[in-house]
Amino acid sequence: MNKEKNPLDDWNLFNQENDSTETSEISAVKKDYFTVTEFLDIVNIELSKISCRVLGEISDVNLRDRYCFFVLKESNPDAESAVVECFIGWRSFDAYRHLLQDGMQVIVSGFPGIYKKSGRFRIEVTKIEPFGEGALKQAFEALKKKLEEKGYFAPERKKPIPEVIQKIGLITSPAGAAIKDFMKNLGQYGFEVYHVAVFVEGDYAVDSIISAIKYFNRNMPEIDVLVLIRGGGSLESLKAFNDEDVANAIFDSKLPVITGIGHERDITIADLVADKSLSTPTAVASFIRTQREQIIQKLELVEEQLITLTGTIFDELKDSIELLIQDVFTGFSTIIQKYSFSIRHCAERMHGCLKRVFDSFKTIEKKFMNKLSEWHISIKDIENRISILEHQAIHSFGSEIENIKKRIEIAQAQLYSLNPEAILSKGYSIVYDKENRVIKNSKQVSKKDIIRIKLYKGKITSIVEDIQDS
């Protein structure tokens, strides 16, 4: 598998740093041999352009402190016996150390090369993937042991699940049964579900799941819980959920994570690291729904208890008030009889005072209603003005977007006209001397000089035979 390259990578348009391959070609004109170092440098330059993925069985593992040497041998018993040496450096060693076991069938990704000091061919490995059910199970157990020793599964480090879940960050594929089962079983309780679509298997699954977890943590920290789900499948199809980088993302998440991956028999590394793990997507939805239903039941029970208690209190107060009323009436009758004249006089004065109070209240009420009407009119006026400003802003924004689009189109056309590839495609070419400088005048070269000509497609190395000044 060749790496994608920019078509301008292999040549210098404006006398930048010399390309090592081109220098070697020019040197080859002057001498008919390479030194060992020069030869291996040229070979390694060409080999470094090749990205390879090789299937085989690990053997002869030689672990060091920060790196490892091992041999990858042919795993097909019907094929010819073959081996290739491999090396994995410190950049990838820690992530794949648990997979470096004799007899494990894997696919290694990396770049081939020759180690100059020994002349031995090897693959510099950047990634190791278990291959086959047996290897995947072996890799699962190795990674499980590694993360368990690091404390990833410890109950005391798991984040508590909120008692009230309202906002849910859903991480799963937009297609398939998992998301349908989850939404169907979640129930109509007003949950806010924010879905980020990811791949749940394949080459892009790991990166997309990690990105989704980081997105919610970075952009939506108010989310109550993250839900990571997918349907059942083989150990191969669940490989992304047994990945160490996914486990690290779940472990580092500040938001609590609930997983529901596969069927009831499926247990993944993601399940073990998650703050809560349930057997299926449906089980996750049922857990969240049941939690809400239990809260509602508790509230209904408290409501019933409160009504019962309030009724009891009212009954007791009613009895006490009736006794108090009887006492008041008895005492009041006695007082009236004793102070009837004084009471009539006070009553008349009280009547006059109350009349003044009620008259003042009516005046205040009338003023209040007037002010309320004025306030309502002001609010309506403000709403109308806001609506007008909103329409103006939308219209202005749309016009500005159209202007920006036009400016981008103009700039794009200008940039295309300046593209060196576009100029070369019209039949023009660029000529370099042996020092890799652009030749603009015939006086810059002499007969028998070696020149290089850059065409739209390819290059030409030539020797000057004739020079004309005009």
Protein backbone atom coordinates (compact mmCIF):
# COMPACT_ATOMS: atom_id res chain seq x y z
CA MET A 1 0.00 0.00 0.00
CA ASN A 2 1.72 3.22 -1.15
CA LYS A 3 1.39 6.42 0.85
CA GLU A 4 -0.39 9.25 -0.93
CA LYS A 5 2.06 11.92 -2.11
CA ASN A 6 1.79 15.47 -3.29
CA PRO A 7 2.82 15.60 -6.99
CA LEU A 8 5.19 18.50 -6.18
CA ASP A 9 7.08 16.57 -3.46
CA ASP A 10 9.70 15.15 -5.85
CA TRP A 11 10.97 18.42 -7.32
CA ASN A 12 12.01 21.93 -6.33
CA LEU A 13 10.31 24.76 -8.17
CA PHE A 14 12.22 27.63 -6.55
CA ASN A 15 15.69 26.20 -5.74
CA GLN A 16 14.80 24.75 -2.34
CA GLU A 17 16.79 21.99 -0.62
CA ASN A 18 18.12 19.36 -3.05
CA ASP A 19 16.34 16.03 -3.27
CA SER A 20 18.69 13.24 -2.16
CA THR A 21 17.52 10.83 -4.87
CA GLU A 22 18.18 13.35 -7.64
CA THR A 23 21.67 14.04 -6.23
CA SER A 24 22.40 10.33 -6.29
CA GLU A 25 21.29 10.11 -9.94
CA ILE A 26 23.66 12.96 -10.91
CA SER A 27 26.46 11.38 -8.91
CA ALA A 28 25.84 8.13 -10.78
CA VAL A 29 26.70 9.91 -14.03
CA LYS A 30 30.15 10.76 -12.69
CA LYS A 31 30.96 7.26 -11.27
CA ASP A 32 29.78 3.74 -12.00
CA TYR A 33 29.56 2.48 -8.39
CA PHE A 34 28.03 3.24 -4.97
CA THR A 35 29.60 2.92 -1.58
CA VAL A 36 27.82 0.52 0.77
CA THR A 37 26.39 3.44 2.78
CA GLU A 38 25.18 5.22 -0.37
CA PHE A 39 23.62 2.03 -1.70
CA LEU A 40 21.76 1.25 1.54
CA ASP A 41 20.63 4.89 1.85
CA ILE A 42 19.10 4.74 -1.63
CA VAL A 43 17.44 1.39 -0.92
CA ASN A 44 16.04 2.60 2.41
CA ILE A 45 14.70 5.79 0.81
CA GLU A 46 12.75 3.71 -1.68
CA LEU A 47 11.62 1.17 0.93
CA SER A 48 10.41 3.93 3.27
CA LYS A 49 7.84 4.87 0.63
CA ILE A 50 6.13 1.49 1.06
CA SER A 51 3.55 1.07 3.81
CA CYS A 52 2.94 -2.64 4.44
CA ARG A 53 0.55 -4.87 6.41
CA VAL A 54 1.85 -8.40 6.90
CA LEU A 55 0.06 -11.42 8.39
CA GLY A 56 2.12 -13.93 10.34
CA GLU A 57 2.87 -15.63 13.64
CA ILE A 58 5.07 -13.99 16.29
CA SER A 59 8.14 -15.90 17.45
CA ASP A 60 11.57 -15.31 19.04
CA VAL A 61 10.35 -12.30 21.05
CA ASN A 62 13.29 -10.30 22.48
CA LEU A 63 11.82 -7.70 24.86
CA ARG A 64 13.95 -4.75 25.93
CA ASP A 65 13.18 -1.82 28.22
CA ARG A 66 11.54 0.48 25.63
CA TYR A 67 11.63 -1.59 22.42
CA CYS A 68 11.46 -5.14 21.10
CA PHE A 69 12.85 -7.39 18.37
CA PHE A 70 10.83 -10.36 17.11
CA VAL A 71 10.40 -12.64 14.12
CA LEU A 72 7.19 -12.86 12.06
CA LYS A 73 6.92 -16.28 10.42
CA GLU A 74 4.51 -17.68 7.82
CA SER A 75 1.34 -18.87 9.60
CA ASN A 76 -0.20 -20.76 6.65
CA PRO A 77 0.83 -24.44 7.04
CA ASP A 78 0.29 -25.03 3.30
CA ALA A 79 2.61 -22.21 2.24
CA GLU A 80 6.38 -22.23 1.93
CA SER A 81 8.23 -21.59 5.22
CA ALA A 82 9.28 -17.93 5.46
CA VAL A 83 10.27 -15.39 8.13
CA VAL A 84 10.88 -11.66 8.38
CA GLU A 85 12.55 -9.83 11.25
CA CYS A 86 10.63 -7.02 12.94
CA PHE A 87 11.43 -4.15 15.27
CA ILE A 88 9.01 -2.04 17.33
CA GLY A 89 10.31 1.18 18.88
CA TRP A 90 9.34 3.20 21.93
CA ARG A 91 6.62 5.19 20.15
CA SER A 92 4.44 2.07 19.73
CA PHE A 93 6.01 -0.40 22.16
CA ASP A 94 3.91 0.37 25.26
CA ALA A 95 0.60 0.26 23.35
CA TYR A 96 1.26 -3.20 21.86
CA ARG A 97 3.56 -4.82 24.44
CA HIS A 98 0.77 -7.13 25.67
CA LEU A 99 0.46 -8.60 22.14
CA LEU A 100 4.16 -9.57 21.86
CA GLN A 101 3.71 -13.26 22.69
CA ASP A 102 5.19 -16.27 20.91
CA GLY A 103 2.62 -18.08 18.79
CA MET A 104 0.16 -15.16 18.46
CA GLN A 105 -1.17 -14.66 14.93
CA VAL A 106 -1.17 -10.95 14.05
CA ILE A 107 -1.13 -8.40 11.27
CA VAL A 108 1.77 -5.96 11.65
CA SER A 109 1.74 -2.57 9.95
CA GLY A 110 4.90 -0.60 9.28
CA PHE A 111 7.68 0.23 6.83
CA PRO A 112 10.43 -2.12 5.54
CA GLY A 113 14.09 -1.19 5.65
CA ILE A 114 17.67 -2.46 5.97
CA TYR A 115 19.64 -1.89 9.18
CA LYS A 116 22.97 -0.53 7.88
CA LYS A 117 25.21 -1.82 10.67
CA SER A 118 24.22 -5.46 10.10
CA GLY A 119 22.75 -5.35 6.57
CA ARG A 120 19.69 -7.23 7.81
CA PHE A 121 16.25 -6.61 6.31
CA ARG A 122 13.42 -5.92 8.79
CA ILE A 123 10.04 -4.25 9.22
CA GLU A 124 9.84 -1.25 11.56
CA VAL A 125 6.43 -1.90 13.14
CA THR A 126 3.98 0.91 13.99
CA LYS A 127 0.87 -1.17 14.74
CA ILE A 128 -0.02 -4.75 15.72
CA GLU A 129 -3.50 -6.27 15.25
CA PRO A 130 -4.52 -9.75 16.48
CA PHE A 131 -5.85 -11.98 13.67
CA GLY A 132 -8.30 -14.83 14.14
CA GLU A 133 -10.50 -15.86 17.05
CA GLY A 134 -7.65 -17.53 18.96
CA ALA A 135 -5.35 -14.51 18.71
CA LEU A 136 -8.16 -12.11 19.57
CA LYS A 137 -9.01 -14.08 22.72
CA GLN A 138 -5.33 -14.22 23.67
CA ALA A 139 -4.98 -10.47 23.05
CA PHE A 140 -8.14 -9.81 25.06
CA GLU A 141 -6.79 -11.68 28.09
CA ALA A 142 -3.39 -9.98 27.81
CA LEU A 143 -4.90 -6.49 27.62
CA LYS A 144 -7.34 -7.33 30.41
CA LYS A 145 -4.45 -8.35 32.67
CA LYS A 146 -2.46 -5.23 31.75
CA LEU A 147 -5.32 -2.79 32.46
CA GLU A 148 -6.32 -4.63 35.63
CA GLU A 149 -2.78 -4.15 36.98
CA LYS A 150 -3.06 -0.43 36.15
CA GLY A 151 -6.29 -0.20 38.20
CA TYR A 152 -8.65 0.49 35.29
CA PHE A 153 -11.28 -1.94 36.62
CA ALA A 154 -11.11 -0.91 40.29
CA PRO A 155 -14.61 -0.17 41.71
CA GLU A 156 -13.34 2.75 43.80
CA ARG A 157 -12.21 4.70 40.73
CA LYS A 158 -15.51 4.35 38.84
CA LYS A 159 -17.59 7.52 38.61
CA PRO A 160 -21.07 7.38 40.18
CA ILE A 161 -24.08 7.32 37.85
CA PRO A 162 -26.40 10.31 38.60
CA GLU A 163 -29.67 9.45 40.31
CA VAL A 164 -31.50 11.75 37.91
CA ILE A 165 -30.49 11.35 34.25
CA GLN A 166 -31.90 13.94 31.88
CA LYS A 167 -29.22 14.63 29.23
CA ILE A 168 -27.74 11.59 27.47
CA GLY A 169 -24.71 11.57 25.14
CA LEU A 170 -25.32 8.61 22.79
CA ILE A 171 -22.32 7.11 20.97
CA THR A 172 -23.20 4.47 18.37
CA SER A 173 -23.73 3.82 14.67
CA PRO A 174 -26.69 5.68 13.11
CA ALA A 175 -27.66 2.48 11.32
CA GLY A 176 -28.51 -0.91 12.73
CA ALA A 177 -30.68 -2.32 15.49
CA ALA A 178 -28.76 -0.93 18.49
CA ILE A 179 -29.91 2.69 18.23
CA LYS A 180 -33.48 1.64 17.34
CA ASP A 181 -33.73 -0.71 20.34
CA PHE A 182 -32.26 1.91 22.66
CA MET A 183 -34.63 4.71 21.60
CA LYS A 184 -37.62 2.38 21.56
CA ASN A 185 -37.02 1.13 25.12
CA LEU A 186 -36.02 4.51 26.56
CA GLY A 187 -39.64 5.56 26.90
CA GLN A 188 -41.39 8.92 26.65
CA TYR A 189 -40.03 10.67 29.72
CA GLY A 190 -38.61 13.82 28.17
CA PHE A 191 -34.98 12.64 27.94
CA GLU A 192 -32.61 14.86 25.95
CA VAL A 193 -30.56 12.53 23.71
CA TYR A 194 -27.55 13.99 21.85
CA HIS A 195 -26.25 11.47 19.29
CA VAL A 196 -22.75 11.43 17.80
CA ALA A 197 -22.54 8.90 14.96
CA VAL A 198 -19.48 6.60 14.96
CA PHE A 199 -18.20 3.48 13.24
CA VAL A 200 -18.59 0.47 15.53
CA GLU A 201 -16.31 -1.82 13.51
CA GLY A 202 -13.69 -1.55 10.81
CA ASP A 203 -10.54 0.53 10.37
CA TYR A 204 -12.09 3.82 11.51
CA ALA A 205 -14.04 2.54 14.52
CA VAL A 206 -11.41 3.17 17.22
CA ASP A 207 -10.63 6.76 16.18
CA SER A 208 -14.31 7.69 15.76
CA ILE A 209 -15.29 6.30 19.20
CA ILE A 210 -12.40 8.10 20.92
CA SER A 211 -13.26 11.36 19.12
CA ALA A 212 -16.91 11.12 20.20
CA ILE A 213 -15.99 10.60 23.88
CA LYS A 214 -13.58 13.55 23.77
CA TYR A 215 -16.16 15.70 21.94
CA PHE A 216 -18.78 15.28 24.67
CA ASN A 217 -16.22 15.92 27.44
CA ARG A 218 -14.89 19.03 25.74
CA ASN A 219 -18.05 20.59 24.28
CA MET A 220 -20.95 19.30 26.41
CA PRO A 221 -19.70 18.91 30.02
CA GLU A 222 -23.30 19.35 31.24
CA ILE A 223 -24.24 15.90 29.89
CA ASP A 224 -25.38 13.59 32.72
CA VAL A 225 -24.06 10.35 31.23
CA LEU A 226 -22.41 8.94 28.08
CA VAL A 227 -23.95 5.79 26.56
CA LEU A 228 -21.70 3.64 24.34
CA ILE A 229 -23.66 0.85 22.61
CA ARG A 230 -23.63 -1.53 19.66
CA GLY A 231 -25.30 -4.80 18.68
CA GLY A 232 -23.81 -8.25 19.07
CA GLY A 233 -21.23 -9.85 16.83
CA SER A 234 -18.10 -11.96 16.61
CA LEU A 235 -14.92 -11.21 18.55
CA GLU A 236 -13.51 -9.75 15.33
CA SER A 237 -16.44 -7.35 14.88
CA LEU A 238 -16.15 -6.24 18.53
CA LYS A 239 -12.41 -5.57 18.15
CA ALA A 240 -12.75 -1.77 18.51
CA PHE A 241 -14.26 -2.21 21.99
CA ASN A 242 -11.26 -4.33 23.05
CA ASP A 243 -8.79 -1.61 22.05
CA GLU A 244 -6.47 -0.04 24.62
CA ASP A 245 -6.92 3.50 23.24
CA VAL A 246 -10.71 3.22 23.60
CA ALA A 247 -10.19 1.94 27.16
CA ASN A 248 -7.97 4.96 27.90
CA ALA A 249 -10.61 7.36 26.52
CA ILE A 250 -13.31 5.81 28.76
CA PHE A 251 -10.98 5.84 31.77
CA ASP A 252 -10.02 9.52 31.20
CA SER A 253 -13.61 10.66 30.59
CA LYS A 254 -14.85 13.16 33.19
CA LEU A 255 -18.42 12.17 32.28
CA PRO A 256 -19.69 8.80 33.58
CA VAL A 257 -19.87 6.13 30.87
CA ILE A 258 -22.47 3.34 30.55
CA THR A 259 -21.85 0.57 28.01
CA GLY A 260 -24.23 -1.89 26.38
CA ILE A 261 -22.18 -3.84 23.85
CA GLY A 262 -23.24 -7.00 22.03
CA HIS A 263 -25.36 -9.73 23.55
CA GLU A 264 -25.52 -10.97 27.13
CA ARG A 265 -22.59 -13.34 26.59
CA ASP A 266 -20.31 -10.60 25.19
CA ILE A 267 -17.84 -8.97 27.61
CA THR A 268 -15.42 -6.38 26.22
CA ILE A 269 -12.59 -4.31 27.67
CA ALA A 270 -14.80 -1.24 27.26
CA ASP A 271 -17.42 -2.91 29.50
CA LEU A 272 -14.82 -3.61 32.19
CA VAL A 273 -13.48 -0.03 32.18
CA ALA A 274 -16.90 1.68 31.99
CA ASP A 275 -18.49 3.15 35.12
CA LYS A 276 -21.50 0.88 34.56
CA SER A 277 -21.88 -2.00 32.14
CA LEU A 278 -25.10 -3.64 30.97
CA SER A 279 -25.57 -6.62 28.69
CA THR A 280 -27.28 -5.01 25.68
CA PRO A 281 -28.39 -1.62 24.28
CA THR A 282 -31.94 -2.53 25.34
CA ALA A 283 -30.74 -3.20 28.90
CA VAL A 284 -29.10 0.26 29.04
CA ALA A 285 -32.32 1.95 27.91
CA SER A 286 -34.34 -0.11 30.42
CA PHE A 287 -31.95 0.86 33.22
CA ILE A 288 -32.29 4.59 32.49
CA ARG A 289 -36.06 4.30 32.01
CA THR A 290 -36.50 2.22 35.19
CA GLN A 291 -34.45 4.74 37.14
CA ARG A 292 -36.82 7.49 35.99
CA GLU A 293 -39.90 5.32 36.75
CA GLN A 294 -38.59 4.59 40.25
CA ILE A 295 -38.13 8.31 40.88
CA ILE A 296 -41.70 8.94 39.69
CA GLN A 297 -43.00 6.13 41.95
CA LYS A 298 -41.13 7.58 44.91
CA LEU A 299 -42.59 11.02 44.20
CA GLU A 300 -46.08 9.55 43.92
CA LEU A 301 -45.58 7.72 47.24
CA VAL A 302 -44.31 10.90 48.90
CA GLU A 303 -47.29 12.76 47.43
CA GLU A 304 -49.72 10.19 48.91
CA GLN A 305 -47.96 10.33 52.28
CA LEU A 306 -48.00 14.12 52.22
CA ILE A 307 -51.74 14.18 51.42
CA THR A 308 -52.48 11.69 54.20
CA LEU A 309 -50.35 13.60 56.71
CA THR A 310 -51.90 16.92 55.68
CA GLY A 311 -55.40 15.48 56.10
CA THR A 312 -54.53 14.21 59.60
CA ILE A 313 -53.12 17.59 60.57
CA PHE A 314 -56.20 19.38 59.22
CA ASP A 315 -58.50 17.06 61.13
CA GLU A 316 -56.62 17.72 64.36
CA LEU A 317 -56.58 21.45 63.67
CA LYS A 318 -60.27 21.38 62.86
CA ASP A 319 -61.06 19.82 66.25
CA SER A 320 -58.81 22.29 68.03
CA ILE A 321 -60.33 25.22 66.14
CA GLU A 322 -63.88 24.11 66.95
CA LEU A 323 -63.02 23.97 70.66
CA LEU A 324 -61.31 27.33 70.40
CA ILE A 325 -64.31 28.81 68.59
CA GLN A 326 -66.60 27.63 71.34
CA ASP A 327 -64.33 29.16 73.95
CA VAL A 328 -64.11 32.39 71.93
CA PHE A 329 -67.87 32.62 71.50
CA THR A 330 -68.43 31.99 75.20
CA GLY A 331 -65.83 34.58 76.18
CA PHE A 332 -66.99 36.97 73.50
CA SER A 333 -70.61 36.80 74.68
CA THR A 334 -69.50 37.53 78.23
CA ILE A 335 -67.42 40.50 77.08
CA ILE A 336 -70.22 41.85 74.90
CA GLN A 337 -72.63 41.74 77.75
CA LYS A 338 -70.11 43.48 79.99
CA TYR A 339 -68.85 46.05 77.51
CA SER A 340 -71.74 46.39 75.03
CA PHE A 341 -71.70 50.20 74.93
CA SER A 342 -67.92 50.44 74.47
CA ILE A 343 -68.04 47.75 71.80
CA ARG A 344 -70.74 49.55 69.80
CA HIS A 345 -68.68 52.74 69.96
CA CYS A 346 -65.54 50.92 68.81
CA ALA A 347 -67.45 49.17 66.06
CA GLU A 348 -68.61 52.48 64.64
CA ARG A 349 -65.07 53.83 64.65
CA MET A 350 -63.77 50.61 63.10
CA HIS A 351 -66.38 50.79 60.37
CA GLY A 352 -65.24 54.31 59.44
CA CYS A 353 -61.56 53.29 59.41
CA LEU A 354 -62.24 50.20 57.31
CA LYS A 355 -64.21 52.26 54.81
CA ARG A 356 -61.22 54.57 54.35
CA VAL A 357 -58.94 51.58 53.99
CA PHE A 358 -61.11 49.97 51.29
CA ASP A 359 -61.45 53.27 49.44
CA SER A 360 -57.65 53.67 49.43
CA PHE A 361 -57.24 50.08 48.23
CA LYS A 362 -59.60 50.66 45.31
CA THR A 363 -57.63 53.76 44.30
CA ILE A 364 -54.32 51.85 44.45
CA GLU A 365 -55.84 48.92 42.53
CA LYS A 366 -56.99 51.25 39.76
CA LYS A 367 -53.50 52.81 39.48
CA PHE A 368 -51.92 49.35 39.43
CA MET A 369 -54.19 48.15 36.61
CA ASN A 370 -53.32 51.26 34.59
CA LYS A 371 -49.60 50.64 35.07
CA LEU A 372 -50.03 46.96 34.19
CA SER A 373 -51.79 47.91 30.95
CA GLU A 374 -48.98 50.35 30.08
CA TRP A 375 -46.37 47.68 30.82
CA HIS A 376 -48.18 45.15 28.61
CA ILE A 377 -48.25 47.63 25.72
CA SER A 378 -44.50 48.32 26.19
CA ILE A 379 -43.72 44.60 26.11
CA LYS A 380 -45.65 44.15 22.87
CA ASP A 381 -43.80 47.09 21.35
CA ILE A 382 -40.42 45.63 22.35
CA GLU A 383 -41.38 42.22 20.92
CA ASN A 384 -42.29 43.86 17.58
CA ARG A 385 -38.99 45.75 17.49
CA ILE A 386 -37.01 42.59 18.29
CA SER A 387 -38.83 40.70 15.51
CA ILE A 388 -37.95 43.47 13.02
CA LEU A 389 -34.29 43.46 14.11
CA GLU A 390 -34.19 39.65 13.86
CA HIS A 391 -35.44 39.70 10.25
CA GLN A 392 -32.97 42.47 9.39
CA ALA A 393 -30.09 40.52 10.94
CA ILE A 394 -31.01 37.33 9.06
CA HIS A 395 -31.24 39.23 5.77
CA SER A 396 -27.93 41.01 6.43
CA PHE A 397 -26.21 37.74 7.40
CA GLY A 398 -27.46 36.02 4.24
CA SER A 399 -26.15 38.86 2.06
CA GLU A 400 -22.78 38.71 3.78
CA ILE A 401 -22.57 34.93 3.24
CA GLU A 402 -23.26 35.39 -0.50
CA ASN A 403 -20.52 38.08 -0.69
CA ILE A 404 -18.05 35.77 1.04
CA LYS A 405 -18.93 32.91 -1.35
CA LYS A 406 -18.28 35.18 -4.35
CA ARG A 407 -14.93 36.31 -2.89
CA ILE A 408 -13.91 32.70 -2.27
CA GLU A 409 -14.80 31.73 -5.87
CA ILE A 410 -12.72 34.65 -7.22
CA ALA A 411 -9.77 33.74 -4.96
CA GLN A 412 -10.05 30.08 -5.98
CA ALA A 413 -9.88 31.02 -9.66
CA GLN A 414 -6.84 33.25 -9.00
CA LEU A 415 -5.07 30.51 -7.04
CA TYR A 416 -5.69 27.98 -9.83
CA SER A 417 -4.14 30.33 -12.38
CA LEU A 418 -0.97 30.53 -10.21
CA ASN A 419 -0.67 26.74 -9.81
CA PRO A 420 2.66 25.63 -11.37
CA GLU A 421 1.04 22.33 -12.42
CA ALA A 422 -1.54 24.28 -14.46
CA ILE A 423 1.23 26.18 -16.28
CA LEU A 424 3.16 22.98 -17.01
CA SER A 425 0.05 21.25 -18.32
CA LYS A 426 -0.10 23.82 -21.17
CA GLY A 427 3.21 22.52 -22.62
CA TYR A 428 5.70 24.64 -20.68
CA SER A 429 8.64 23.13 -18.83
CA ILE A 430 11.28 24.15 -16.24
CA VAL A 431 15.00 23.55 -16.87
CA TYR A 432 17.57 23.07 -14.08
CA ASP A 433 21.40 23.02 -14.28
CA LYS A 434 23.55 20.46 -12.49
CA GLU A 435 23.44 22.63 -9.33
CA ASN A 436 19.65 22.38 -9.38
CA ARG A 437 19.20 26.08 -10.24
CA VAL A 438 16.53 27.25 -12.66
CA ILE A 439 18.00 28.16 -16.08
CA LYS A 440 16.60 31.46 -17.38
CA ASN A 441 19.40 32.43 -19.86
CA SER A 442 21.41 30.36 -22.35
CA LYS A 443 24.58 31.90 -20.91
CA GLN A 444 24.04 29.93 -17.70
CA VAL A 445 25.11 26.67 -19.41
CA SER A 446 27.93 25.36 -21.59
CA LYS A 447 28.14 22.55 -24.07
CA LYS A 448 28.18 19.05 -22.58
CA ASP A 449 26.52 20.33 -19.36
CA ILE A 450 23.97 18.05 -17.81
CA ILE A 451 20.55 19.65 -17.51
CA ARG A 452 17.22 18.41 -16.08
CA ILE A 453 13.89 19.27 -17.61
CA LYS A 454 10.70 19.16 -15.50
CA LEU A 455 7.60 18.45 -17.61
CA TYR A 456 3.95 18.27 -16.59
CA LYS A 457 4.31 14.47 -16.51
CA GLY A 458 7.81 13.26 -15.62
CA LYS A 459 11.38 14.57 -15.93
CA ILE A 460 14.14 14.41 -18.58
CA THR A 461 17.91 14.46 -17.99
CA SER A 462 19.79 15.78 -21.04
CA ILE A 463 23.24 16.98 -22.21
CA VAL A 464 23.69 20.39 -23.93
CA GLU A 465 24.92 19.99 -27.51
CA ASP A 466 24.19 23.41 -28.98
CA ILE A 467 23.65 26.93 -27.52
CA GLN A 468 21.98 29.88 -29.20
CA ASP A 469 22.03 33.29 -27.51
CA SER A 470 18.80 34.57 -29.04
